[in-house]
Amino acid sequence: MRCLEAQRLKWRCHLHRIKEYRMVRRIFEWSPMGKRSKGHPKNRWQDKILKDIAVLGVKNWTKVVMVRSAWHDLVEKSRTHRGL
């Protein structure tokens, strides 16, 4: 995995640990109403993160996030992983 994907994982971890009332988390969890216009892909940033986590073989990532040392180990593992 390249450094960019590792940075994405670090940022997702940070977002998961932020309190629900913080603006950054509220914006991340906001879901716009309506549909995308024709021709635009339905890929989301969060979908890429979940794919990266699945490739690394993590089953319950929400629990791993809460233990900082385990999450840092996972991010370090992602930097050396070549399957992405």
PDB file of N, CA and C in Angstrom:
ATOM      1  N   MET A   1       0.845  -1.171   0.000  1.00  0.00           N
ATOM      2  CA  MET A   1       0.000   0.000   0.000  1.00  0.00           C
ATOM      3  C   MET A   1       0.891   1.236   0.000  1.00  0.00           C
ATOM      4  N   ARG A   2       0.501   2.199  -0.725  1.00  0.00           N
ATOM      5  CA  ARG A   2       1.289   3.417  -0.778  1.00  0.00           C
ATOM      6  C   ARG A   2       1.015   4.288   0.427  1.00  0.00           C
ATOM      7  N   CYS A   3       1.798   5.320   0.544  1.00  0.00           N
ATOM      8  CA  CYS A   3       1.683   6.239   1.675  1.00  0.00           C
ATOM      9  C   CYS A   3       0.318   6.929   1.701  1.00  0.00           C
ATOM     10  N   LEU A   4      -0.254   7.182   0.531  1.00  0.00           N
ATOM     11  CA  LEU A   4      -1.548   7.856   0.468  1.00  0.00           C
ATOM     12  C   LEU A   4      -2.636   7.033   1.152  1.00  0.00           C
ATOM     13  N   GLU A   5      -2.660   5.737   0.916  1.00  0.00           N
ATOM     14  CA  GLU A   5      -3.652   4.883   1.548  1.00  0.00           C
ATOM     15  C   GLU A   5      -3.435   4.820   3.057  1.00  0.00           C
ATOM     16  N   ALA A   6      -2.195   4.815   3.483  1.00  0.00           N
ATOM     17  CA  ALA A   6      -1.904   4.811   4.915  1.00  0.00           C
ATOM     18  C   ALA A   6      -2.394   6.107   5.558  1.00  0.00           C
ATOM     19  N   GLN A   7      -2.232   7.222   4.870  1.00  0.00           N
ATOM     20  CA  GLN A   7      -2.728   8.499   5.384  1.00  0.00           C
ATOM     21  C   GLN A   7      -4.251   8.484   5.467  1.00  0.00           C
ATOM     22  N   ARG A   8      -4.900   7.860   4.481  1.00  0.00           N
ATOM     23  CA  ARG A   8      -6.359   7.743   4.517  1.00  0.00           C
ATOM     24  C   ARG A   8      -6.798   6.949   5.738  1.00  0.00           C
ATOM     25  N   LEU A   9      -6.094   5.859   6.032  1.00  0.00           N
ATOM     26  CA  LEU A   9      -6.425   5.056   7.207  1.00  0.00           C
ATOM     27  C   LEU A   9      -6.234   5.848   8.494  1.00  0.00           C
ATOM     28  N   LYS A  10      -5.156   6.620   8.563  1.00  0.00           N
ATOM     29  CA  LYS A  10      -4.912   7.432   9.757  1.00  0.00           C
ATOM     30  C   LYS A  10      -6.019   8.461   9.958  1.00  0.00           C
ATOM     31  N   TRP A  11      -6.444   9.101   8.870  1.00  0.00           N
ATOM     32  CA  TRP A  11      -7.488  10.109   8.964  1.00  0.00           C
ATOM     33  C   TRP A  11      -8.819   9.474   9.358  1.00  0.00           C
ATOM     34  N   ARG A  12      -9.135   8.284   8.824  1.00  0.00           N
ATOM     35  CA  ARG A  12     -10.378   7.603   9.170  1.00  0.00           C
ATOM     36  C   ARG A  12     -10.392   7.230  10.639  1.00  0.00           C
ATOM     37  N   CYS A  13      -9.266   6.807  11.153  1.00  0.00           N
ATOM     38  CA  CYS A  13      -9.148   6.493  12.578  1.00  0.00           C
ATOM     39  C   CYS A  13      -9.447   7.734  13.402  1.00  0.00           C
ATOM     40  N   HIS A  14      -8.868   8.833  13.006  1.00  0.00           N
ATOM     41  CA  HIS A  14      -9.081  10.091  13.712  1.00  0.00           C
ATOM     42  C   HIS A  14     -10.564  10.469  13.688  1.00  0.00           C
ATOM     43  N   LEU A  15     -11.201  10.338  12.542  1.00  0.00           N
ATOM     44  CA  LEU A  15     -12.619  10.669  12.432  1.00  0.00           C
ATOM     45  C   LEU A  15     -13.481   9.778  13.309  1.00  0.00           C
ATOM     46  N   HIS A  16     -13.114   8.522  13.421  1.00  0.00           N
ATOM     47  CA  HIS A  16     -13.914   7.594  14.215  1.00  0.00           C
ATOM     48  C   HIS A  16     -13.836   7.927  15.709  1.00  0.00           C
ATOM     49  N   ARG A  17     -12.699   8.430  16.150  1.00  0.00           N
ATOM     50  CA  ARG A  17     -12.527   8.724  17.571  1.00  0.00           C
ATOM     51  C   ARG A  17     -13.051  10.097  17.983  1.00  0.00           C
ATOM     52  N   ILE A  18     -13.307  10.978  17.024  1.00  0.00           N
ATOM     53  CA  ILE A  18     -13.809  12.315  17.347  1.00  0.00           C
ATOM     54  C   ILE A  18     -15.223  12.203  17.921  1.00  0.00           C
ATOM     55  N   LYS A  19     -15.549  13.076  18.854  1.00  0.00           N
ATOM     56  CA  LYS A  19     -16.890  13.095  19.450  1.00  0.00           C
ATOM     57  C   LYS A  19     -17.941  13.405  18.388  1.00  0.00           C
ATOM     58  N   GLU A  20     -19.151  12.896  18.593  1.00  0.00           N
ATOM     59  CA  GLU A  20     -20.214  13.020  17.597  1.00  0.00           C
ATOM     60  C   GLU A  20     -20.633  14.460  17.343  1.00  0.00           C
ATOM     61  N   TYR A  21     -20.493  15.338  18.323  1.00  0.00           N
ATOM     62  CA  TYR A  21     -20.956  16.711  18.163  1.00  0.00           C
ATOM     63  C   TYR A  21     -19.949  17.609  17.436  1.00  0.00           C
ATOM     64  N   ARG A  22     -18.744  17.136  17.195  1.00  0.00           N
ATOM     65  CA  ARG A  22     -17.748  17.958  16.497  1.00  0.00           C
ATOM     66  C   ARG A  22     -18.123  18.135  15.033  1.00  0.00           C
ATOM     67  N   MET A  23     -17.847  19.309  14.495  1.00  0.00           N
ATOM     68  CA  MET A  23     -18.265  19.661  13.137  1.00  0.00           C
ATOM     69  C   MET A  23     -17.648  18.733  12.083  1.00  0.00           C
ATOM     70  N   VAL A  24     -16.382  18.381  12.232  1.00  0.00           N
ATOM     71  CA  VAL A  24     -15.724  17.529  11.242  1.00  0.00           C
ATOM     72  C   VAL A  24     -16.437  16.183  11.137  1.00  0.00           C
ATOM     73  N   ARG A  25     -16.767  15.613  12.253  1.00  0.00           N
ATOM     74  CA  ARG A  25     -17.455  14.320  12.238  1.00  0.00           C
ATOM     75  C   ARG A  25     -18.860  14.456  11.680  1.00  0.00           C
ATOM     76  N   ARG A  26     -19.554  15.516  12.017  1.00  0.00           N
ATOM     77  CA  ARG A  26     -20.905  15.722  11.496  1.00  0.00           C
ATOM     78  C   ARG A  26     -20.891  15.881   9.979  1.00  0.00           C
ATOM     79  N   ILE A  27     -19.893  16.579   9.461  1.00  0.00           N
ATOM     80  CA  ILE A  27     -19.776  16.748   8.017  1.00  0.00           C
ATOM     81  C   ILE A  27     -19.460  15.409   7.357  1.00  0.00           C
ATOM     82  N   PHE A  28     -18.575  14.632   7.955  1.00  0.00           N
ATOM     83  CA  PHE A  28     -18.212  13.331   7.389  1.00  0.00           C
ATOM     84  C   PHE A  28     -19.411  12.395   7.331  1.00  0.00           C
ATOM     85  N   GLU A  29     -20.237  12.405   8.365  1.00  0.00           N
ATOM     86  CA  GLU A  29     -21.363  11.488   8.438  1.00  0.00           C
ATOM     87  C   GLU A  29     -22.601  12.010   7.721  1.00  0.00           C
ATOM     88  N   TRP A  30     -22.574  13.251   7.260  1.00  0.00           N
ATOM     89  CA  TRP A  30     -23.714  13.838   6.563  1.00  0.00           C
ATOM     90  C   TRP A  30     -23.961  13.110   5.257  1.00  0.00           C
ATOM     91  N   SER A  31     -25.207  12.884   4.955  1.00  0.00           N
ATOM     92  CA  SER A  31     -25.577  12.207   3.719  1.00  0.00           C
ATOM     93  C   SER A  31     -26.478  13.136   2.908  1.00  0.00           C
ATOM     94  N   PRO A  32     -26.011  13.605   1.752  1.00  0.00           N
ATOM     95  CA  PRO A  32     -26.837  14.506   0.956  1.00  0.00           C
ATOM     96  C   PRO A  32     -28.051  13.783   0.373  1.00  0.00           C
ATOM     97  N   MET A  33     -29.121  14.533   0.212  1.00  0.00           N
ATOM     98  CA  MET A  33     -30.327  13.957  -0.369  1.00  0.00           C
ATOM     99  C   MET A  33     -30.235  14.062  -1.888  1.00  0.00           C
ATOM    100  N   GLY A  34     -30.918  13.184  -2.563  1.00  0.00           N
ATOM    101  CA  GLY A  34     -30.929  13.220  -4.013  1.00  0.00           C
ATOM    102  C   GLY A  34     -30.025  12.165  -4.613  1.00  0.00           C
ATOM    103  N   LYS A  35     -29.856  12.265  -5.922  1.00  0.00           N
ATOM    104  CA  LYS A  35     -29.051  11.298  -6.645  1.00  0.00           C
ATOM    105  C   LYS A  35     -27.921  12.006  -7.381  1.00  0.00           C
ATOM    106  N   ARG A  36     -26.890  11.263  -7.700  1.00  0.00           N
ATOM    107  CA  ARG A  36     -25.811  11.808  -8.513  1.00  0.00           C
ATOM    108  C   ARG A  36     -26.280  11.899  -9.964  1.00  0.00           C
ATOM    109  N   SER A  37     -25.721  12.830 -10.665  1.00  0.00           N
ATOM    110  CA  SER A  37     -26.099  12.953 -12.062  1.00  0.00           C
ATOM    111  C   SER A  37     -25.533  11.772 -12.859  1.00  0.00           C
ATOM    112  N   LYS A  38     -26.129  11.525 -13.990  1.00  0.00           N
ATOM    113  CA  LYS A  38     -25.765  10.380 -14.814  1.00  0.00           C
ATOM    114  C   LYS A  38     -24.291  10.468 -15.228  1.00  0.00           C
ATOM    115  N   GLY A  39     -23.599   9.359 -15.145  1.00  0.00           N
ATOM    116  CA  GLY A  39     -22.213   9.301 -15.569  1.00  0.00           C
ATOM    117  C   GLY A  39     -21.211   9.470 -14.442  1.00  0.00           C
ATOM    118  N   HIS A  40     -21.659   9.849 -13.263  1.00  0.00           N
ATOM    119  CA  HIS A  40     -20.737  10.005 -12.139  1.00  0.00           C
ATOM    120  C   HIS A  40     -20.657   8.693 -11.361  1.00  0.00           C
ATOM    121  N   PRO A  41     -19.471   8.246 -11.014  1.00  0.00           N
ATOM    122  CA  PRO A  41     -19.340   6.984 -10.281  1.00  0.00           C
ATOM    123  C   PRO A  41     -19.889   7.103  -8.865  1.00  0.00           C
ATOM    124  N   LYS A  42     -20.315   5.986  -8.328  1.00  0.00           N
ATOM    125  CA  LYS A  42     -20.869   5.964  -6.985  1.00  0.00           C
ATOM    126  C   LYS A  42     -19.809   5.624  -5.938  1.00  0.00           C
ATOM    127  N   ASN A  43     -18.559   5.751  -6.309  1.00  0.00           N
ATOM    128  CA  ASN A  43     -17.482   5.469  -5.372  1.00  0.00           C
ATOM    129  C   ASN A  43     -17.390   6.585  -4.344  1.00  0.00           C
ATOM    130  N   ARG A  44     -17.239   6.188  -3.102  1.00  0.00           N
ATOM    131  CA  ARG A  44     -17.088   7.158  -2.034  1.00  0.00           C
ATOM    132  C   ARG A  44     -15.738   6.942  -1.367  1.00  0.00           C
ATOM    133  N   TRP A  45     -15.270   7.962  -0.683  1.00  0.00           N
ATOM    134  CA  TRP A  45     -14.009   7.898   0.032  1.00  0.00           C
ATOM    135  C   TRP A  45     -14.079   6.788   1.072  1.00  0.00           C
ATOM    136  N   GLN A  46     -15.210   6.703   1.746  1.00  0.00           N
ATOM    137  CA  GLN A  46     -15.367   5.694   2.792  1.00  0.00           C
ATOM    138  C   GLN A  46     -15.327   4.276   2.207  1.00  0.00           C
ATOM    139  N   ASP A  47     -15.822   4.094   1.001  1.00  0.00           N
ATOM    140  CA  ASP A  47     -15.765   2.773   0.362  1.00  0.00           C
ATOM    141  C   ASP A  47     -14.318   2.352   0.120  1.00  0.00           C
ATOM    142  N   LYS A  48     -13.474   3.295  -0.267  1.00  0.00           N
ATOM    143  CA  LYS A  48     -12.059   2.988  -0.469  1.00  0.00           C
ATOM    144  C   LYS A  48     -11.404   2.575   0.841  1.00  0.00           C
ATOM    145  N   ILE A  49     -11.740   3.261   1.913  1.00  0.00           N
ATOM    146  CA  ILE A  49     -11.186   2.936   3.227  1.00  0.00           C
ATOM    147  C   ILE A  49     -11.594   1.524   3.636  1.00  0.00           C
ATOM    148  N   LEU A  50     -12.869   1.207   3.498  1.00  0.00           N
ATOM    149  CA  LEU A  50     -13.337  -0.125   3.883  1.00  0.00           C
ATOM    150  C   LEU A  50     -12.694  -1.212   3.040  1.00  0.00           C
ATOM    151  N   LYS A  51     -12.449  -0.929   1.766  1.00  0.00           N
ATOM    152  CA  LYS A  51     -11.753  -1.892   0.904  1.00  0.00           C
ATOM    153  C   LYS A  51     -10.318  -2.092   1.380  1.00  0.00           C
ATOM    154  N   ASP A  52      -9.634  -0.996   1.711  1.00  0.00           N
ATOM    155  CA  ASP A  52      -8.263  -1.089   2.212  1.00  0.00           C
ATOM    156  C   ASP A  52      -8.204  -1.917   3.494  1.00  0.00           C
ATOM    157  N   ILE A  53      -9.161  -1.703   4.382  1.00  0.00           N
ATOM    158  CA  ILE A  53      -9.198  -2.435   5.652  1.00  0.00           C
ATOM    159  C   ILE A  53      -9.478  -3.920   5.395  1.00  0.00           C
ATOM    160  N   ALA A  54     -10.365  -4.220   4.459  1.00  0.00           N
ATOM    161  CA  ALA A  54     -10.681  -5.617   4.146  1.00  0.00           C
ATOM    162  C   ALA A  54      -9.472  -6.337   3.551  1.00  0.00           C
ATOM    163  N   VAL A  55      -8.711  -5.640   2.700  1.00  0.00           N
ATOM    164  CA  VAL A  55      -7.520  -6.247   2.095  1.00  0.00           C
ATOM    165  C   VAL A  55      -6.490  -6.592   3.171  1.00  0.00           C
ATOM    166  N   LEU A  56      -6.426  -5.771   4.210  1.00  0.00           N
ATOM    167  CA  LEU A  56      -5.484  -6.036   5.295  1.00  0.00           C
ATOM    168  C   LEU A  56      -5.965  -7.159   6.216  1.00  0.00           C
ATOM    169  N   GLY A  57      -7.220  -7.584   6.065  1.00  0.00           N
ATOM    170  CA  GLY A  57      -7.735  -8.707   6.840  1.00  0.00           C
ATOM    171  C   GLY A  57      -8.231  -8.346   8.222  1.00  0.00           C
ATOM    172  N   VAL A  58      -8.660  -7.131   8.419  1.00  0.00           N
ATOM    173  CA  VAL A  58      -9.166  -6.701   9.722  1.00  0.00           C
ATOM    174  C   VAL A  58     -10.670  -6.950   9.761  1.00  0.00           C
ATOM    175  N   LYS A  59     -11.123  -7.685  10.764  1.00  0.00           N
ATOM    176  CA  LYS A  59     -12.533  -8.031  10.863  1.00  0.00           C
ATOM    177  C   LYS A  59     -13.350  -6.924  11.520  1.00  0.00           C
ATOM    178  N   ASN A  60     -12.983  -6.514  12.705  1.00  0.00           N
ATOM    179  CA  ASN A  60     -13.751  -5.514  13.446  1.00  0.00           C
ATOM    180  C   ASN A  60     -12.887  -4.272  13.638  1.00  0.00           C
ATOM    181  N   TRP A  61     -12.818  -3.444  12.620  1.00  0.00           N
ATOM    182  CA  TRP A  61     -11.908  -2.300  12.639  1.00  0.00           C
ATOM    183  C   TRP A  61     -12.335  -1.245  13.643  1.00  0.00           C
ATOM    184  N   THR A  62     -13.617  -1.189  13.996  1.00  0.00           N
ATOM    185  CA  THR A  62     -14.062  -0.155  14.934  1.00  0.00           C
ATOM    186  C   THR A  62     -13.478  -0.379  16.331  1.00  0.00           C
ATOM    187  N   LYS A  63     -13.228  -1.623  16.696  1.00  0.00           N
ATOM    188  CA  LYS A  63     -12.591  -1.900  17.989  1.00  0.00           C
ATOM    189  C   LYS A  63     -11.084  -1.653  17.918  1.00  0.00           C
ATOM    190  N   VAL A  64     -10.494  -1.947  16.775  1.00  0.00           N
ATOM    191  CA  VAL A  64      -9.053  -1.724  16.606  1.00  0.00           C
ATOM    192  C   VAL A  64      -8.737  -0.232  16.665  1.00  0.00           C
ATOM    193  N   VAL A  65      -9.626   0.586  16.151  1.00  0.00           N
ATOM    194  CA  VAL A  65      -9.433   2.037  16.140  1.00  0.00           C
ATOM    195  C   VAL A  65      -9.293   2.588  17.554  1.00  0.00           C
ATOM    196  N   MET A  66     -10.050   2.039  18.467  1.00  0.00           N
ATOM    197  CA  MET A  66     -10.061   2.582  19.825  1.00  0.00           C
ATOM    198  C   MET A  66      -8.777   2.280  20.599  1.00  0.00           C
ATOM    199  N   VAL A  67      -8.000   1.316  20.158  1.00  0.00           N
ATOM    200  CA  VAL A  67      -6.711   1.009  20.779  1.00  0.00           C
ATOM    201  C   VAL A  67      -5.638   1.611  19.874  1.00  0.00           C
ATOM    202  N   ARG A  68      -5.090   2.733  20.291  1.00  0.00           N
ATOM    203  CA  ARG A  68      -4.170   3.477  19.430  1.00  0.00           C
ATOM    204  C   ARG A  68      -2.961   2.660  18.988  1.00  0.00           C
ATOM    205  N   SER A  69      -2.381   1.896  19.883  1.00  0.00           N
ATOM    206  CA  SER A  69      -1.190   1.136  19.511  1.00  0.00           C
ATOM    207  C   SER A  69      -1.516   0.083  18.449  1.00  0.00           C
ATOM    208  N   ALA A  70      -2.675  -0.560  18.575  1.00  0.00           N
ATOM    209  CA  ALA A  70      -3.081  -1.551  17.582  1.00  0.00           C
ATOM    210  C   ALA A  70      -3.357  -0.882  16.239  1.00  0.00           C
ATOM    211  N   TRP A  71      -3.970   0.294  16.271  1.00  0.00           N
ATOM    212  CA  TRP A  71      -4.256   1.001  15.028  1.00  0.00           C
ATOM    213  C   TRP A  71      -2.973   1.474  14.349  1.00  0.00           C
ATOM    214  N   HIS A  72      -2.026   1.975  15.155  1.00  0.00           N
ATOM    215  CA  HIS A  72      -0.743   2.398  14.582  1.00  0.00           C
ATOM    216  C   HIS A  72      -0.011   1.213  13.953  1.00  0.00           C
ATOM    217  N   ASP A  73      -0.104   0.051  14.588  1.00  0.00           N
ATOM    218  CA  ASP A  73       0.501  -1.148  14.010  1.00  0.00           C
ATOM    219  C   ASP A  73      -0.161  -1.505  12.681  1.00  0.00           C
ATOM    220  N   LEU A  74      -1.477  -1.355  12.617  1.00  0.00           N
ATOM    221  CA  LEU A  74      -2.197  -1.645  11.378  1.00  0.00           C
ATOM    222  C   LEU A  74      -1.806  -0.665  10.274  1.00  0.00           C
ATOM    223  N   VAL A  75      -1.676   0.608  10.598  1.00  0.00           N
ATOM    224  CA  VAL A  75      -1.275   1.604   9.599  1.00  0.00           C
ATOM    225  C   VAL A  75       0.136   1.302   9.114  1.00  0.00           C
ATOM    226  N   GLU A  76       1.013   0.909  10.017  1.00  0.00           N
ATOM    227  CA  GLU A  76       2.377   0.558   9.618  1.00  0.00           C
ATOM    228  C   GLU A  76       2.377  -0.681   8.728  1.00  0.00           C
ATOM    229  N   LYS A  77       1.524  -1.646   9.055  1.00  0.00           N
ATOM    230  CA  LYS A  77       1.395  -2.837   8.218  1.00  0.00           C
ATOM    231  C   LYS A  77       0.898  -2.453   6.828  1.00  0.00           C
ATOM    232  N   SER A  78      -0.002  -1.481   6.765  1.00  0.00           N
ATOM    233  CA  SER A  78      -0.551  -1.065   5.469  1.00  0.00           C
ATOM    234  C   SER A  78       0.511  -0.405   4.594  1.00  0.00           C
ATOM    235  N   ARG A  79       1.489   0.230   5.204  1.00  0.00           N
ATOM    236  CA  ARG A  79       2.542   0.865   4.423  1.00  0.00           C
ATOM    237  C   ARG A  79       3.428  -0.154   3.719  1.00  0.00           C
ATOM    238  N   THR A  80       3.556  -1.319   4.299  1.00  0.00           N
ATOM    239  CA  THR A  80       4.424  -2.343   3.716  1.00  0.00           C
ATOM    240  C   THR A  80       3.645  -3.376   2.903  1.00  0.00           C
ATOM    241  N   HIS A  81       2.329  -3.317   2.945  1.00  0.00           N
ATOM    242  CA  HIS A  81       1.480  -4.279   2.231  1.00  0.00           C
ATOM    243  C   HIS A  81       1.514  -3.968   0.737  1.00  0.00           C
ATOM    244  N   ARG A  82       1.660  -4.977  -0.084  1.00  0.00           N
ATOM    245  CA  ARG A  82       1.784  -4.777  -1.532  1.00  0.00           C
ATOM    246  C   ARG A  82       0.527  -5.164  -2.312  1.00  0.00           C
ATOM    247  N   GLY A  83      -0.503  -5.671  -1.630  1.00  0.00           N
ATOM    248  CA  GLY A  83      -1.685  -6.152  -2.332  1.00  0.00           C
ATOM    249  C   GLY A  83      -2.659  -5.083  -2.775  1.00  0.00           C
ATOM    250  N   LEU A  84      -2.433  -3.831  -2.416  1.00  0.00           N
ATOM    251  CA  LEU A  84      -3.392  -2.786  -2.774  1.00  0.00           C
ATOM    252  C   LEU A  84      -2.947  -2.119  -3.983  1.00  0.00           C
TER     253      LEU A  84
END
